[in-house]
Amino acid sequence: MIKKFILCCVLLTTIRVFYLRQCKANDTSDVFFKNQVPTSTEIAQKAGYVVETYEVVTQDGYILQMDRVAGSKKSPPSDNKTAVLLLHGMLDCSITWLVAGPEVGLGIV
């Protein structure tokens, strides 16, 4: 039992160290060490992407915010690009798709 506990602690520490190294390798990582938590729009704009924000009101009155990453210097906005809808989990937010950085973040790859 104690061996499993120690193994879990070592594993979690290793994952945390790997994650912090990965964040330091990204150009957007300095945003995370300020006093405020950045929004997904701020992260995408800092990485050089054009971001559009829309408010959508559902039939039952909920107000949702939708962010569209339209393009960057490498891939300018275009009308003939295929749109991709990324939905996060129930206890999550849109920063999930961008937090890994511009090279591997699913929202801006």
Protein backbone atom coordinates (compact mmCIF):
# COMPACT_ATOMS: atom_id res chain seq x y z
CA MET A 1 0.00 0.00 0.00
CA ILE A 2 2.74 2.45 0.97
CA LYS A 3 4.68 1.52 -2.19
CA LYS A 4 1.70 2.48 -4.35
CA PHE A 5 1.35 5.79 -2.50
CA ILE A 6 5.04 6.64 -2.97
CA LEU A 7 4.86 5.63 -6.63
CA CYS A 8 1.84 7.90 -7.16
CA CYS A 9 3.63 10.83 -5.49
CA VAL A 10 6.72 10.34 -7.64
CA LEU A 11 4.60 10.05 -10.77
CA LEU A 12 2.65 13.23 -10.02
CA THR A 13 5.85 15.15 -9.28
CA THR A 14 7.39 13.95 -12.54
CA ILE A 15 4.34 15.00 -14.53
CA ARG A 16 4.34 18.42 -12.85
CA VAL A 17 8.03 19.00 -13.62
CA PHE A 18 7.50 17.96 -17.26
CA TYR A 19 4.51 20.31 -17.55
CA LEU A 20 6.44 23.28 -16.11
CA ARG A 21 9.35 22.65 -18.48
CA GLN A 22 6.89 22.51 -21.37
CA CYS A 23 5.33 25.83 -20.31
CA LYS A 24 8.74 27.50 -20.08
CA ALA A 25 9.53 26.36 -23.63
CA ASN A 26 6.49 28.19 -25.04
CA ASP A 27 6.50 31.87 -25.94
CA THR A 28 3.21 32.34 -24.10
CA SER A 29 4.40 30.89 -20.79
CA ASP A 30 5.29 34.24 -19.22
CA VAL A 31 1.57 35.06 -19.17
CA PHE A 32 0.91 32.33 -16.58
CA PHE A 33 3.27 33.67 -13.94
CA LYS A 34 1.62 37.08 -13.53
CA ASN A 35 -0.87 37.86 -10.78
CA GLN A 36 -3.88 37.49 -13.04
CA VAL A 37 -5.07 34.49 -15.01
CA PRO A 38 -5.10 35.21 -18.75
CA THR A 39 -8.13 34.61 -20.91
CA SER A 40 -8.04 32.36 -23.94
CA THR A 41 -8.33 35.45 -26.14
CA GLU A 42 -5.23 36.99 -24.54
CA ILE A 43 -3.21 33.81 -25.01
CA ALA A 44 -4.17 33.47 -28.69
CA GLN A 45 -3.47 37.15 -29.40
CA LYS A 46 -0.10 36.95 -27.65
CA ALA A 47 0.77 34.00 -29.91
CA GLY A 48 -0.02 36.19 -32.95
CA TYR A 49 -3.50 34.98 -33.84
CA VAL A 50 -6.57 37.02 -34.81
CA VAL A 51 -9.40 36.32 -32.35
CA GLU A 52 -13.07 37.20 -32.66
CA THR A 53 -15.41 36.99 -29.65
CA TYR A 54 -19.16 36.49 -29.95
CA GLU A 55 -21.96 36.37 -27.37
CA VAL A 56 -24.67 33.83 -28.08
CA VAL A 57 -28.01 33.76 -26.23
CA THR A 58 -29.65 30.35 -26.14
CA GLN A 59 -33.41 29.79 -26.30
CA ASP A 60 -33.55 29.27 -22.53
CA GLY A 61 -31.73 32.55 -21.80
CA TYR A 62 -28.15 31.43 -21.18
CA ILE A 63 -25.50 33.81 -22.46
CA LEU A 64 -22.50 32.00 -23.92
CA GLN A 65 -19.21 33.43 -25.12
CA MET A 66 -17.72 31.90 -28.26
CA ASP A 67 -14.18 32.67 -29.37
CA ARG A 68 -13.10 32.22 -32.97
CA VAL A 69 -9.41 31.96 -33.80
CA ALA A 70 -9.53 33.29 -37.35
CA GLY A 71 -5.90 33.12 -38.45
CA SER A 72 -2.32 34.26 -37.96
CA LYS A 73 0.60 35.62 -39.97
CA LYS A 74 1.37 32.06 -41.09
CA SER A 75 -2.25 31.34 -41.99
CA PRO A 76 -4.26 34.52 -42.70
CA PRO A 77 -8.06 34.56 -42.31
CA SER A 78 -9.99 33.18 -45.28
CA ASP A 79 -13.63 32.50 -46.10
CA ASN A 80 -12.98 29.06 -47.58
CA LYS A 81 -11.38 27.48 -44.49
CA THR A 82 -13.23 24.69 -42.72
CA ALA A 83 -14.54 25.64 -39.28
CA VAL A 84 -13.83 23.37 -36.31
CA LEU A 85 -15.93 23.51 -33.14
CA LEU A 86 -14.04 22.56 -29.97
CA LEU A 87 -16.16 21.96 -26.86
CA HIS A 88 -14.60 21.73 -23.42
CA GLY A 89 -15.85 19.64 -20.52
CA MET A 90 -18.35 20.67 -17.89
CA LEU A 91 -15.83 21.97 -15.32
CA ASP A 92 -13.38 23.35 -17.89
CA CYS A 93 -12.94 26.44 -20.06
CA SER A 94 -11.67 27.40 -23.51
CA ILE A 95 -8.14 27.99 -22.26
CA THR A 96 -7.76 24.19 -22.38
CA TRP A 97 -7.31 24.33 -26.15
CA LEU A 98 -4.60 27.01 -25.99
CA VAL A 99 -2.60 26.43 -22.80
CA ALA A 100 -0.07 24.07 -24.42
CA GLY A 101 1.21 26.88 -26.65
CA PRO A 102 1.16 27.74 -30.34
CA GLU A 103 3.06 24.66 -31.49
CA VAL A 104 0.83 21.99 -29.91
CA GLY A 105 -2.32 23.72 -28.61
CA LEU A 106 -5.27 22.12 -30.40
CA GLY A 107 -7.12 25.44 -30.71
CA ILE A 108 -4.32 27.12 -32.66
CA VAL A 109 -2.40 24.34 -34.44
